[in-house]
Amino acid sequence: MSKFIYPSDDRIPGTEGAIAAYRHRFSTDHFIMLKNFVGPELLAAIQPIIETAEFESESYQDVGSEFRMVANMAQDALSLLAIDRNLLDFVQEISDCGPVNCFRGRIYKLIADPQHTFGWHNDLNDACRRVTMSINLSLGEYQGGELQIRETRSGKVVSEIANTGLGDAVLFPIFPEFEHRVLPVRGDRAKIAFSGWFKAEPGLDAPLPWLAAESARVSGR
């Protein structure tokens, strides 16, 4: 595998031993945290776009609802960060989940509203999905909104993660043996995240949503 260093929560260096440690943590804790995944320069560039972006209400049957940001340059910038070939190889290596060739995600917002919850689900409605990633983009620390992971058969919660560090990313597996949910947000601050899936298909040459829409608009299609 190609060498690509991502800082972990305890700053393990990008050595073969570190990859083994990531693999062990992913298999035993069923998630890993990547601190400072999005650097301050990119955050400074995309935050003004997110603050003025248009959000639309979106519902998912038997799961929950959210405000989903209309695709724009901020989403595509984060998507480009997530489809670095070295990162895709890293995710494939630590998860042992088969080929990983792209990432597809969206920026969403959750507020303190009874409808804004994500019930237990497993993300398996798309067979190409391999690993889920969620990046915190919230300005200021929100309350609630923890990610919980449980065993499907027993219902035992095996991990609970409060990802409140700006730019931090959480990765967790997509397997029938596990389900996950996001607890309700409390208080006045919204939870904003870029969340989606490392997938087997499509490949890296597939256009990103905002760029594809702009290309179609310019060409008159």
N, C-alpha and C. Protein backbone atom coordinates (compact mmCIF):
# COMPACT_ATOMS: atom_id res chain seq x y z
N MET A 1 0.83 -1.19 0.00
CA MET A 1 0.00 0.00 0.00
C MET A 1 0.86 1.24 0.00
N SER A 2 0.35 2.31 -0.58
CA SER A 2 1.10 3.56 -0.59
C SER A 2 1.08 4.19 0.79
N LYS A 3 2.13 4.94 1.09
CA LYS A 3 2.24 5.53 2.43
C LYS A 3 1.50 6.86 2.46
N PHE A 4 0.57 6.98 3.38
CA PHE A 4 -0.22 8.20 3.51
C PHE A 4 -0.51 8.40 4.98
N ILE A 5 -0.01 9.45 5.56
CA ILE A 5 -0.08 9.63 7.01
C ILE A 5 -1.30 10.48 7.36
N TYR A 6 -2.22 9.88 8.10
CA TYR A 6 -3.34 10.62 8.68
C TYR A 6 -3.18 10.59 10.19
N PRO A 7 -3.28 11.73 10.84
CA PRO A 7 -3.12 11.73 12.30
C PRO A 7 -4.29 11.04 12.98
N SER A 8 -4.02 10.24 13.97
CA SER A 8 -5.08 9.63 14.76
C SER A 8 -5.24 10.41 16.05
N ASP A 9 -6.17 9.96 16.89
CA ASP A 9 -6.42 10.69 18.12
C ASP A 9 -5.22 10.62 19.07
N ASP A 10 -4.32 9.65 18.91
CA ASP A 10 -3.13 9.64 19.74
C ASP A 10 -1.87 9.83 18.91
N ARG A 11 -2.02 10.37 17.70
CA ARG A 11 -0.90 10.78 16.86
C ARG A 11 0.04 9.62 16.53
N ILE A 12 -0.53 8.46 16.25
CA ILE A 12 0.31 7.34 15.81
C ILE A 12 0.93 7.70 14.48
N PRO A 13 2.26 7.57 14.30
CA PRO A 13 2.88 7.90 13.01
C PRO A 13 2.48 6.90 11.94
N GLY A 14 2.64 7.29 10.68
CA GLY A 14 2.20 6.46 9.57
C GLY A 14 3.19 5.37 9.22
N THR A 15 3.42 4.43 10.11
CA THR A 15 4.32 3.31 9.90
C THR A 15 3.50 2.04 9.73
N GLU A 16 4.20 0.94 9.42
CA GLU A 16 3.49 -0.33 9.31
C GLU A 16 2.84 -0.69 10.64
N GLY A 17 3.51 -0.37 11.74
CA GLY A 17 2.92 -0.62 13.04
C GLY A 17 1.66 0.19 13.27
N ALA A 18 1.66 1.43 12.73
CA ALA A 18 0.48 2.28 12.88
C ALA A 18 -0.70 1.70 12.11
N ILE A 19 -0.45 1.19 10.89
CA ILE A 19 -1.52 0.60 10.11
C ILE A 19 -2.11 -0.59 10.85
N ALA A 20 -1.24 -1.40 11.44
CA ALA A 20 -1.72 -2.53 12.23
C ALA A 20 -2.56 -2.06 13.41
N ALA A 21 -2.14 -0.95 14.03
CA ALA A 21 -2.91 -0.42 15.17
C ALA A 21 -4.26 0.08 14.72
N TYR A 22 -4.30 0.76 13.57
CA TYR A 22 -5.59 1.20 13.03
C TYR A 22 -6.49 0.01 12.73
N ARG A 23 -5.95 -1.02 12.12
CA ARG A 23 -6.73 -2.22 11.80
C ARG A 23 -7.30 -2.84 13.07
N HIS A 24 -6.47 -2.92 14.10
CA HIS A 24 -6.92 -3.51 15.35
C HIS A 24 -8.04 -2.67 15.97
N ARG A 25 -7.87 -1.36 15.98
CA ARG A 25 -8.88 -0.48 16.57
C ARG A 25 -10.19 -0.55 15.78
N PHE A 26 -10.08 -0.59 14.45
CA PHE A 26 -11.28 -0.64 13.61
C PHE A 26 -12.06 -1.93 13.85
N SER A 27 -11.35 -3.03 14.09
CA SER A 27 -12.01 -4.31 14.27
C SER A 27 -12.53 -4.52 15.69
N THR A 28 -11.90 -3.87 16.67
CA THR A 28 -12.32 -4.07 18.07
C THR A 28 -13.25 -2.97 18.56
N ASP A 29 -12.96 -1.70 18.23
CA ASP A 29 -13.81 -0.58 18.65
C ASP A 29 -14.90 -0.29 17.63
N HIS A 30 -14.72 -0.80 16.40
CA HIS A 30 -15.68 -0.63 15.31
C HIS A 30 -15.76 0.81 14.82
N PHE A 31 -14.70 1.57 15.05
CA PHE A 31 -14.56 2.92 14.48
C PHE A 31 -13.12 3.36 14.69
N ILE A 32 -12.72 4.37 13.93
CA ILE A 32 -11.49 5.11 14.24
C ILE A 32 -11.80 6.61 14.12
N MET A 33 -11.06 7.39 14.87
CA MET A 33 -11.16 8.84 14.82
C MET A 33 -9.89 9.40 14.18
N LEU A 34 -10.07 10.26 13.17
CA LEU A 34 -8.95 10.94 12.53
C LEU A 34 -9.04 12.41 12.89
N LYS A 35 -8.18 12.83 13.80
CA LYS A 35 -8.19 14.22 14.26
C LYS A 35 -7.62 15.13 13.17
N ASN A 36 -8.21 16.32 13.06
CA ASN A 36 -7.72 17.33 12.11
C ASN A 36 -7.66 16.80 10.68
N PHE A 37 -8.63 15.97 10.33
CA PHE A 37 -8.68 15.42 8.97
C PHE A 37 -8.80 16.54 7.94
N VAL A 38 -9.64 17.54 8.23
CA VAL A 38 -9.74 18.72 7.38
C VAL A 38 -8.91 19.82 8.02
N GLY A 39 -7.91 20.31 7.31
CA GLY A 39 -7.01 21.31 7.86
C GLY A 39 -7.62 22.69 7.95
N PRO A 40 -6.97 23.60 8.68
CA PRO A 40 -7.53 24.93 8.92
C PRO A 40 -7.69 25.76 7.65
N GLU A 41 -6.80 25.58 6.67
CA GLU A 41 -6.92 26.37 5.44
C GLU A 41 -8.18 26.00 4.67
N LEU A 42 -8.43 24.71 4.52
CA LEU A 42 -9.64 24.28 3.81
C LEU A 42 -10.88 24.65 4.60
N LEU A 43 -10.84 24.49 5.91
CA LEU A 43 -11.99 24.88 6.73
C LEU A 43 -12.31 26.36 6.56
N ALA A 44 -11.27 27.20 6.55
CA ALA A 44 -11.48 28.64 6.39
C ALA A 44 -12.10 28.96 5.04
N ALA A 45 -11.77 28.17 4.02
CA ALA A 45 -12.30 28.42 2.69
C ALA A 45 -13.74 27.98 2.54
N ILE A 46 -14.12 26.87 3.18
CA ILE A 46 -15.47 26.34 2.96
C ILE A 46 -16.50 26.83 3.97
N GLN A 47 -16.07 27.28 5.15
CA GLN A 47 -17.06 27.68 6.16
C GLN A 47 -17.95 28.82 5.68
N PRO A 48 -17.43 29.88 5.02
CA PRO A 48 -18.34 30.93 4.53
C PRO A 48 -19.36 30.41 3.52
N ILE A 49 -18.97 29.42 2.71
CA ILE A 49 -19.89 28.83 1.74
C ILE A 49 -21.00 28.08 2.46
N ILE A 50 -20.63 27.32 3.48
CA ILE A 50 -21.62 26.54 4.24
C ILE A 50 -22.57 27.46 4.98
N GLU A 51 -22.05 28.55 5.55
CA GLU A 51 -22.88 29.46 6.34
C GLU A 51 -23.96 30.12 5.50
N THR A 52 -23.70 30.33 4.22
CA THR A 52 -24.68 30.99 3.35
C THR A 52 -25.36 30.03 2.39
N ALA A 53 -25.12 28.73 2.55
CA ALA A 53 -25.64 27.73 1.62
C ALA A 53 -27.14 27.53 1.81
N GLU A 54 -27.75 26.99 0.79
CA GLU A 54 -29.16 26.61 0.84
C GLU A 54 -29.27 25.18 1.33
N PHE A 55 -30.15 24.95 2.29
CA PHE A 55 -30.42 23.62 2.81
C PHE A 55 -31.88 23.26 2.52
N GLU A 56 -32.10 22.00 2.18
CA GLU A 56 -33.44 21.50 1.91
C GLU A 56 -33.77 20.36 2.87
N SER A 57 -35.03 20.28 3.27
CA SER A 57 -35.45 19.21 4.16
C SER A 57 -35.42 17.88 3.41
N GLU A 58 -34.85 16.88 4.05
CA GLU A 58 -34.72 15.56 3.42
C GLU A 58 -35.13 14.49 4.43
N SER A 59 -35.95 13.54 3.99
CA SER A 59 -36.38 12.45 4.85
C SER A 59 -35.93 11.12 4.27
N TYR A 60 -35.65 10.17 5.15
CA TYR A 60 -35.23 8.84 4.75
C TYR A 60 -36.15 7.83 5.42
N GLN A 61 -36.82 7.02 4.64
CA GLN A 61 -37.83 6.11 5.16
C GLN A 61 -37.23 5.18 6.21
N ASP A 62 -37.92 5.10 7.35
CA ASP A 62 -37.54 4.23 8.46
C ASP A 62 -36.22 4.61 9.11
N VAL A 63 -35.68 5.81 8.78
CA VAL A 63 -34.42 6.23 9.39
C VAL A 63 -34.59 7.56 10.11
N GLY A 64 -34.94 8.64 9.38
CA GLY A 64 -35.09 9.95 10.01
C GLY A 64 -35.07 11.06 8.98
N SER A 65 -34.71 12.26 9.42
CA SER A 65 -34.70 13.41 8.52
C SER A 65 -33.58 14.36 8.90
N GLU A 66 -33.31 15.30 7.97
CA GLU A 66 -32.22 16.25 8.15
C GLU A 66 -32.47 17.45 7.26
N PHE A 67 -31.66 18.48 7.41
CA PHE A 67 -31.53 19.52 6.40
C PHE A 67 -30.29 19.16 5.58
N ARG A 68 -30.50 19.01 4.28
CA ARG A 68 -29.40 18.62 3.39
C ARG A 68 -28.98 19.79 2.54
N MET A 69 -27.68 20.08 2.53
CA MET A 69 -27.17 21.23 1.79
C MET A 69 -27.23 20.96 0.29
N VAL A 70 -27.72 21.94 -0.46
CA VAL A 70 -27.68 21.84 -1.91
C VAL A 70 -26.22 21.82 -2.33
N ALA A 71 -25.87 20.88 -3.21
CA ALA A 71 -24.48 20.68 -3.60
C ALA A 71 -23.83 21.98 -4.08
N ASN A 72 -22.62 22.22 -3.61
CA ASN A 72 -21.88 23.43 -3.98
C ASN A 72 -20.38 23.14 -3.90
N MET A 73 -19.57 24.18 -4.04
CA MET A 73 -18.12 24.00 -4.06
C MET A 73 -17.58 23.44 -2.75
N ALA A 74 -18.23 23.74 -1.63
CA ALA A 74 -17.76 23.21 -0.35
C ALA A 74 -17.87 21.69 -0.34
N GLN A 75 -18.99 21.18 -0.83
CA GLN A 75 -19.17 19.73 -0.87
C GLN A 75 -18.15 19.09 -1.80
N ASP A 76 -17.94 19.69 -2.97
CA ASP A 76 -16.99 19.11 -3.90
C ASP A 76 -15.55 19.18 -3.38
N ALA A 77 -15.22 20.25 -2.65
CA ALA A 77 -13.87 20.36 -2.09
C ALA A 77 -13.62 19.24 -1.08
N LEU A 78 -14.60 18.95 -0.25
CA LEU A 78 -14.46 17.86 0.72
C LEU A 78 -14.44 16.50 0.01
N SER A 79 -15.22 16.38 -1.05
CA SER A 79 -15.23 15.14 -1.81
C SER A 79 -13.87 14.88 -2.44
N LEU A 80 -13.24 15.94 -2.95
CA LEU A 80 -11.90 15.79 -3.52
C LEU A 80 -10.89 15.34 -2.46
N LEU A 81 -11.03 15.88 -1.26
CA LEU A 81 -10.15 15.47 -0.16
C LEU A 81 -10.32 13.98 0.13
N ALA A 82 -11.56 13.50 0.00
CA ALA A 82 -11.87 12.12 0.39
C ALA A 82 -11.54 11.09 -0.69
N ILE A 83 -11.26 11.53 -1.91
CA ILE A 83 -11.00 10.56 -2.98
C ILE A 83 -9.52 10.51 -3.35
N ASP A 84 -8.65 11.01 -2.50
CA ASP A 84 -7.22 10.82 -2.71
C ASP A 84 -6.95 9.32 -2.75
N ARG A 85 -6.24 8.86 -3.77
CA ARG A 85 -6.00 7.43 -3.93
C ARG A 85 -5.30 6.82 -2.74
N ASN A 86 -4.38 7.57 -2.13
CA ASN A 86 -3.69 7.06 -0.95
C ASN A 86 -4.66 6.85 0.21
N LEU A 87 -5.61 7.77 0.37
CA LEU A 87 -6.61 7.61 1.43
C LEU A 87 -7.50 6.41 1.15
N LEU A 88 -7.92 6.24 -0.09
CA LEU A 88 -8.76 5.09 -0.43
C LEU A 88 -8.03 3.78 -0.12
N ASP A 89 -6.74 3.74 -0.43
CA ASP A 89 -5.95 2.55 -0.10
C ASP A 89 -5.86 2.35 1.41
N PHE A 90 -5.69 3.45 2.14
CA PHE A 90 -5.63 3.39 3.60
C PHE A 90 -6.92 2.80 4.17
N VAL A 91 -8.07 3.28 3.70
CA VAL A 91 -9.35 2.79 4.19
C VAL A 91 -9.52 1.31 3.86
N GLN A 92 -9.14 0.93 2.65
CA GLN A 92 -9.23 -0.48 2.26
C GLN A 92 -8.35 -1.34 3.14
N GLU A 93 -7.16 -0.84 3.45
CA GLU A 93 -6.20 -1.62 4.25
C GLU A 93 -6.68 -1.82 5.68
N ILE A 94 -7.17 -0.76 6.32
CA ILE A 94 -7.52 -0.90 7.74
C ILE A 94 -8.86 -1.61 7.94
N SER A 95 -9.72 -1.57 6.93
CA SER A 95 -11.06 -2.13 7.09
C SER A 95 -11.17 -3.55 6.55
N ASP A 96 -10.25 -3.92 5.63
CA ASP A 96 -10.27 -5.25 5.02
C ASP A 96 -11.65 -5.54 4.43
N CYS A 97 -12.19 -4.55 3.71
CA CYS A 97 -13.58 -4.61 3.24
C CYS A 97 -13.68 -4.82 1.74
N GLY A 98 -12.56 -5.05 1.06
CA GLY A 98 -12.61 -5.18 -0.39
C GLY A 98 -12.26 -3.87 -1.06
N PRO A 99 -12.37 -3.81 -2.39
CA PRO A 99 -11.95 -2.62 -3.15
C PRO A 99 -12.66 -1.35 -2.72
N VAL A 100 -11.90 -0.26 -2.60
CA VAL A 100 -12.44 1.07 -2.30
C VAL A 100 -11.95 2.01 -3.39
N ASN A 101 -12.86 2.56 -4.18
CA ASN A 101 -12.48 3.34 -5.36
C ASN A 101 -13.07 4.73 -5.43
N CYS A 102 -13.89 5.12 -4.48
CA CYS A 102 -14.45 6.47 -4.50
C CYS A 102 -15.08 6.79 -3.16
N PHE A 103 -15.53 8.03 -3.03
CA PHE A 103 -16.30 8.45 -1.86
C PHE A 103 -17.44 9.32 -2.35
N ARG A 104 -18.62 9.11 -1.79
CA ARG A 104 -19.77 9.94 -2.10
C ARG A 104 -20.44 10.38 -0.80
N GLY A 105 -20.65 11.69 -0.65
CA GLY A 105 -21.23 12.19 0.58
C GLY A 105 -22.00 13.47 0.37
N ARG A 106 -22.58 13.97 1.46
CA ARG A 106 -23.33 15.22 1.42
C ARG A 106 -23.09 15.96 2.73
N ILE A 107 -23.36 17.25 2.75
CA ILE A 107 -23.30 18.05 3.97
C ILE A 107 -24.71 18.17 4.51
N TYR A 108 -24.88 17.84 5.78
CA TYR A 108 -26.21 17.91 6.38
C TYR A 108 -26.17 18.69 7.69
N LYS A 109 -27.36 19.10 8.12
CA LYS A 109 -27.52 19.85 9.37
C LYS A 109 -28.63 19.21 10.20
N LEU A 110 -28.37 19.04 11.49
CA LEU A 110 -29.37 18.56 12.43
C LEU A 110 -29.57 19.62 13.50
N ILE A 111 -30.82 19.90 13.83
CA ILE A 111 -31.15 20.84 14.88
C ILE A 111 -31.95 20.13 15.97
N ALA A 112 -32.18 20.84 17.07
CA ALA A 112 -32.95 20.27 18.17
C ALA A 112 -34.42 20.23 17.77
N ASP A 113 -34.80 19.17 17.09
CA ASP A 113 -36.15 19.00 16.59
C ASP A 113 -36.48 17.51 16.66
N PRO A 114 -37.68 17.14 17.13
CA PRO A 114 -38.01 15.71 17.25
C PRO A 114 -37.87 14.94 15.95
N GLN A 115 -38.01 15.61 14.82
CA GLN A 115 -37.90 14.93 13.53
C GLN A 115 -36.45 14.73 13.09
N HIS A 116 -35.53 15.49 13.68
CA HIS A 116 -34.15 15.43 13.24
C HIS A 116 -33.37 14.39 14.03
N THR A 117 -33.63 13.14 13.72
CA THR A 117 -32.93 12.02 14.32
C THR A 117 -32.62 11.00 13.24
N PHE A 118 -31.66 10.15 13.52
CA PHE A 118 -31.37 9.02 12.64
C PHE A 118 -31.51 7.75 13.46
N GLY A 119 -32.56 6.97 13.18
CA GLY A 119 -32.77 5.72 13.90
C GLY A 119 -31.77 4.66 13.45
N TRP A 120 -31.86 3.50 14.07
CA TRP A 120 -30.92 2.43 13.78
C TRP A 120 -31.01 2.00 12.32
N HIS A 121 -29.86 1.93 11.64
CA HIS A 121 -29.80 1.48 10.25
C HIS A 121 -28.37 1.03 9.97
N ASN A 122 -28.15 0.43 8.78
CA ASN A 122 -26.83 -0.16 8.51
C ASN A 122 -26.18 0.32 7.21
N ASP A 123 -26.82 1.21 6.46
CA ASP A 123 -26.25 1.77 5.22
C ASP A 123 -26.08 0.73 4.12
N LEU A 124 -26.70 -0.44 4.25
CA LEU A 124 -26.50 -1.52 3.29
C LEU A 124 -27.48 -1.47 2.11
N ASN A 125 -28.23 -0.38 1.98
CA ASN A 125 -29.15 -0.27 0.85
C ASN A 125 -28.43 -0.03 -0.47
N ASP A 126 -27.11 0.19 -0.42
CA ASP A 126 -26.27 0.28 -1.60
C ASP A 126 -25.14 -0.74 -1.45
N ALA A 127 -25.12 -1.74 -2.33
CA ALA A 127 -24.16 -2.83 -2.19
C ALA A 127 -22.72 -2.39 -2.42
N CYS A 128 -22.51 -1.21 -3.01
CA CYS A 128 -21.15 -0.73 -3.28
C CYS A 128 -20.51 -0.07 -2.07
N ARG A 129 -21.26 0.23 -1.03
CA ARG A 129 -20.71 0.91 0.13
C ARG A 129 -19.83 0.00 0.96
N ARG A 130 -18.72 0.55 1.45
CA ARG A 130 -17.76 -0.23 2.22
C ARG A 130 -17.56 0.31 3.64
N VAL A 131 -17.33 1.61 3.77
CA VAL A 131 -17.05 2.24 5.07
C VAL A 131 -17.73 3.60 5.09
N THR A 132 -18.33 3.95 6.22
CA THR A 132 -18.95 5.26 6.40
C THR A 132 -17.97 6.22 7.04
N MET A 133 -18.01 7.49 6.60
CA MET A 133 -17.19 8.54 7.22
C MET A 133 -18.07 9.75 7.50
N SER A 134 -17.86 10.36 8.66
CA SER A 134 -18.55 11.60 9.03
C SER A 134 -17.53 12.59 9.56
N ILE A 135 -17.53 13.81 8.99
CA ILE A 135 -16.60 14.87 9.38
C ILE A 135 -17.38 16.00 10.03
N ASN A 136 -16.95 16.40 11.21
CA ASN A 136 -17.64 17.49 11.91
C ASN A 136 -17.28 18.84 11.31
N LEU A 137 -18.30 19.61 10.91
CA LEU A 137 -18.11 20.95 10.36
C LEU A 137 -18.81 22.01 11.21
N SER A 138 -19.22 21.66 12.41
CA SER A 138 -19.99 22.56 13.26
C SER A 138 -19.09 23.64 13.87
N LEU A 139 -19.52 24.88 13.76
CA LEU A 139 -18.83 25.97 14.43
C LEU A 139 -19.34 26.06 15.86
N GLY A 140 -18.49 25.81 16.82
CA GLY A 140 -18.94 25.75 18.20
C GLY A 140 -19.38 24.35 18.53
N GLU A 141 -19.26 23.96 19.79
CA GLU A 141 -19.58 22.60 20.20
C GLU A 141 -21.07 22.45 20.41
N TYR A 142 -21.67 21.55 19.67
CA TYR A 142 -23.10 21.26 19.81
C TYR A 142 -23.29 20.24 20.93
N GLN A 143 -24.53 20.11 21.37
CA GLN A 143 -24.86 19.15 22.42
C GLN A 143 -25.67 18.01 21.81
N GLY A 144 -25.45 16.80 22.32
CA GLY A 144 -26.13 15.65 21.76
C GLY A 144 -25.49 15.24 20.45
N GLY A 145 -26.28 14.58 19.59
CA GLY A 145 -25.80 14.20 18.27
C GLY A 145 -24.73 13.13 18.27
N GLU A 146 -24.62 12.35 19.35
CA GLU A 146 -23.60 11.31 19.40
C GLU A 146 -23.92 10.18 18.41
N LEU A 147 -22.88 9.59 17.87
CA LEU A 147 -23.00 8.41 17.03
C LEU A 147 -22.93 7.18 17.92
N GLN A 148 -23.91 6.29 17.78
CA GLN A 148 -23.90 5.02 18.50
C GLN A 148 -23.83 3.88 17.49
N ILE A 149 -23.05 2.85 17.83
CA ILE A 149 -22.92 1.65 17.02
C ILE A 149 -23.31 0.46 17.90
N ARG A 150 -24.14 -0.42 17.36
CA ARG A 150 -24.57 -1.57 18.14
C ARG A 150 -24.50 -2.86 17.32
N GLU A 151 -24.47 -3.97 18.03
CA GLU A 151 -24.55 -5.27 17.39
C GLU A 151 -25.99 -5.51 16.94
N THR A 152 -26.17 -5.90 15.71
CA THR A 152 -27.51 -6.09 15.17
C THR A 152 -28.27 -7.18 15.91
N ARG A 153 -27.63 -8.30 16.14
CA ARG A 153 -28.33 -9.44 16.73
C ARG A 153 -28.66 -9.20 18.20
N SER A 154 -27.69 -8.75 18.98
CA SER A 154 -27.90 -8.61 20.42
C SER A 154 -28.49 -7.27 20.83
N GLY A 155 -28.33 -6.25 19.98
CA GLY A 155 -28.77 -4.91 20.34
C GLY A 155 -27.83 -4.21 21.30
N LYS A 156 -26.68 -4.80 21.58
CA LYS A 156 -25.72 -4.21 22.51
C LYS A 156 -24.99 -3.05 21.85
N VAL A 157 -24.98 -1.89 22.50
CA VAL A 157 -24.23 -0.74 22.01
C VAL A 157 -22.76 -0.97 22.30
N VAL A 158 -21.94 -0.98 21.25
CA VAL A 158 -20.52 -1.29 21.42
C VAL A 158 -19.64 -0.04 21.37
N SER A 159 -20.17 1.07 20.82
CA SER A 159 -19.40 2.31 20.78
C SER A 159 -20.35 3.50 20.78
N GLU A 160 -19.93 4.58 21.44
CA GLU A 160 -20.65 5.85 21.39
C GLU A 160 -19.59 6.94 21.21
N ILE A 161 -19.75 7.73 20.15
CA ILE A 161 -18.72 8.71 19.78
C ILE A 161 -19.34 10.10 19.69
N ALA A 162 -18.77 11.05 20.40
CA ALA A 162 -19.15 12.45 20.29
C ALA A 162 -18.08 13.15 19.46
N ASN A 163 -18.34 13.31 18.19
CA ASN A 163 -17.36 13.93 17.29
C ASN A 163 -17.62 15.43 17.23
N THR A 164 -17.02 16.17 18.16
CA THR A 164 -17.27 17.61 18.27
C THR A 164 -16.07 18.47 17.90
N GLY A 165 -14.95 17.85 17.51
CA GLY A 165 -13.78 18.62 17.10
C GLY A 165 -13.91 19.07 15.66
N LEU A 166 -13.81 20.35 15.40
CA LEU A 166 -13.96 20.88 14.05
C LEU A 166 -12.92 20.25 13.12
N GLY A 167 -13.40 19.65 12.03
CA GLY A 167 -12.52 19.02 11.06
C GLY A 167 -12.15 17.58 11.37
N ASP A 168 -12.60 17.05 12.51
CA ASP A 168 -12.30 15.67 12.86
C ASP A 168 -13.23 14.71 12.11
N ALA A 169 -12.72 13.53 11.79
CA ALA A 169 -13.48 12.54 11.04
C ALA A 169 -13.60 11.25 11.83
N VAL A 170 -14.76 10.61 11.71
CA VAL A 170 -15.00 9.28 12.27
C VAL A 170 -15.28 8.33 11.12
N LEU A 171 -14.62 7.18 11.11
CA LEU A 171 -14.86 6.14 10.13
C LEU A 171 -15.35 4.90 10.85
N PHE A 172 -16.37 4.23 10.27
CA PHE A 172 -16.88 3.00 10.88
C PHE A 172 -17.39 2.06 9.79
N PRO A 173 -17.45 0.75 10.09
CA PRO A 173 -17.71 -0.25 9.05
C PRO A 173 -19.18 -0.35 8.66
N ILE A 174 -19.39 -0.86 7.46
CA ILE A 174 -20.72 -1.17 6.96
C ILE A 174 -20.81 -2.69 6.84
N PHE A 175 -21.36 -3.33 7.85
CA PHE A 175 -21.51 -4.78 7.88
C PHE A 175 -22.91 -5.12 8.37
N PRO A 176 -23.49 -6.24 7.95
CA PRO A 176 -24.81 -6.64 8.46
C PRO A 176 -24.81 -6.84 9.96
N GLU A 177 -23.63 -7.15 10.53
CA GLU A 177 -23.56 -7.43 11.97
C GLU A 177 -23.71 -6.19 12.83
N PHE A 178 -23.66 -4.97 12.22
CA PHE A 178 -23.70 -3.75 13.00
C PHE A 178 -24.71 -2.76 12.43
N GLU A 179 -25.30 -1.99 13.32
CA GLU A 179 -26.16 -0.87 12.96
C GLU A 179 -25.65 0.38 13.67
N HIS A 180 -26.09 1.55 13.21
CA HIS A 180 -25.70 2.79 13.87
C HIS A 180 -26.85 3.77 13.84
N ARG A 181 -26.76 4.77 14.70
CA ARG A 181 -27.74 5.84 14.73
C ARG A 181 -27.09 7.11 15.25
N VAL A 182 -27.74 8.26 15.05
CA VAL A 182 -27.29 9.54 15.60
C VAL A 182 -28.35 10.02 16.58
N LEU A 183 -27.93 10.29 17.81
CA LEU A 183 -28.87 10.74 18.84
C LEU A 183 -29.32 12.17 18.57
N PRO A 184 -30.47 12.58 19.12
CA PRO A 184 -30.98 13.94 18.89
C PRO A 184 -30.00 15.01 19.36
N VAL A 185 -29.99 16.10 18.64
CA VAL A 185 -29.22 17.28 19.03
C VAL A 185 -30.00 18.06 20.07
N ARG A 186 -29.30 18.62 21.06
CA ARG A 186 -29.94 19.43 22.10
C ARG A 186 -29.37 20.85 22.06
N GLY A 187 -30.16 21.80 22.53
CA GLY A 187 -29.67 23.17 22.63
C GLY A 187 -29.82 23.95 21.33
N ASP A 188 -29.14 25.11 21.29
CA ASP A 188 -29.31 26.06 20.19
C ASP A 188 -28.36 25.83 19.02
N ARG A 189 -27.27 25.12 19.23
CA ARG A 189 -26.30 24.93 18.16
C ARG A 189 -26.66 23.72 17.30
N ALA A 190 -26.56 23.88 16.01
CA ALA A 190 -26.83 22.79 15.07
C ALA A 190 -25.59 21.91 14.92
N LYS A 191 -25.85 20.66 14.58
CA LYS A 191 -24.77 19.77 14.18
C LYS A 191 -24.68 19.80 12.66
N ILE A 192 -23.51 20.13 12.13
CA ILE A 192 -23.28 20.15 10.68
C ILE A 192 -22.15 19.18 10.39
N ALA A 193 -22.36 18.32 9.41
CA ALA A 193 -21.35 17.30 9.10
C ALA A 193 -21.34 17.01 7.62
N PHE A 194 -20.18 16.61 7.15
CA PHE A 194 -20.03 16.03 5.81
C PHE A 194 -19.97 14.53 6.01
N SER A 195 -20.95 13.82 5.50
CA SER A 195 -21.05 12.40 5.79
C SER A 195 -21.35 11.62 4.52
N GLY A 196 -20.78 10.44 4.42
CA GLY A 196 -21.02 9.61 3.25
C GLY A 196 -20.26 8.31 3.33
N TRP A 197 -19.96 7.75 2.16
CA TRP A 197 -19.47 6.38 2.10
C TRP A 197 -18.29 6.21 1.15
N PHE A 198 -17.29 5.49 1.61
CA PHE A 198 -16.27 4.96 0.73
C PHE A 198 -16.89 3.76 0.01
N LYS A 199 -16.76 3.74 -1.33
CA LYS A 199 -17.49 2.77 -2.13
C LYS A 199 -16.58 2.05 -3.11
N ALA A 200 -17.05 0.89 -3.58
CA ALA A 200 -16.34 0.16 -4.61
C ALA A 200 -16.48 0.83 -5.97
N GLU A 201 -17.63 1.40 -6.23
CA GLU A 201 -17.93 2.06 -7.51
C GLU A 201 -18.73 3.33 -7.22
N PRO A 202 -18.71 4.33 -8.13
CA PRO A 202 -17.96 4.40 -9.39
C PRO A 202 -16.49 4.72 -9.13
N GLY A 203 -15.71 4.79 -10.20
CA GLY A 203 -14.29 5.07 -10.07
C GLY A 203 -14.01 6.54 -9.87
N LEU A 204 -12.74 6.88 -9.82
CA LEU A 204 -12.31 8.26 -9.55
C LEU A 204 -12.64 9.22 -10.68
N ASP A 205 -12.92 8.70 -11.87
CA ASP A 205 -13.21 9.58 -13.00
C ASP A 205 -14.65 10.04 -13.04
N ALA A 206 -15.50 9.56 -12.14
CA ALA A 206 -16.89 9.99 -12.10
C ALA A 206 -16.97 11.44 -11.64
N PRO A 207 -17.80 12.29 -12.29
CA PRO A 207 -17.85 13.71 -11.92
C PRO A 207 -18.47 13.93 -10.55
N LEU A 208 -18.00 14.97 -9.87
CA LEU A 208 -18.57 15.35 -8.58
C LEU A 208 -19.88 16.12 -8.81
N PRO A 209 -20.81 16.10 -7.84
CA PRO A 209 -22.16 16.63 -8.07
C PRO A 209 -22.21 18.07 -8.53
N TRP A 210 -21.54 18.98 -7.79
CA TRP A 210 -21.65 20.39 -8.14
C TRP A 210 -20.96 20.67 -9.46
N LEU A 211 -19.78 20.08 -9.68
CA LEU A 211 -19.07 20.28 -10.94
C LEU A 211 -19.86 19.75 -12.12
N ALA A 212 -20.52 18.61 -11.94
CA ALA A 212 -21.32 18.04 -13.01
C ALA A 212 -22.51 18.94 -13.32
N ALA A 213 -23.16 19.49 -12.27
CA ALA A 213 -24.30 20.38 -12.49
C ALA A 213 -23.89 21.65 -13.19
N GLU A 214 -22.74 22.22 -12.79
CA GLU A 214 -22.26 23.44 -13.43
C GLU A 214 -21.89 23.21 -14.87
N SER A 215 -21.27 22.05 -15.16
CA SER A 215 -20.92 21.73 -16.52
C SER A 215 -22.16 21.60 -17.40
N ALA A 216 -23.19 20.98 -16.87
CA ALA A 216 -24.44 20.84 -17.61
C ALA A 216 -25.09 22.19 -17.85
N ARG A 217 -25.03 23.06 -16.84
CA ARG A 217 -25.64 24.39 -16.98
C ARG A 217 -24.92 25.20 -18.04
N VAL A 218 -23.60 25.19 -18.03
CA VAL A 218 -22.82 25.98 -18.98
C VAL A 218 -23.03 25.46 -20.41
N SER A 219 -23.11 24.14 -20.55
CA SER A 219 -23.25 23.56 -21.88
C SER A 219 -24.69 23.57 -22.37
N GLY A 220 -25.61 23.97 -21.49
CA GLY A 220 -27.02 24.09 -21.89
C GLY A 220 -27.78 22.77 -21.83
N ARG A 221 -27.20 21.73 -21.21
CA ARG A 221 -27.91 20.47 -21.13
C ARG A 221 -28.90 20.50 -19.98
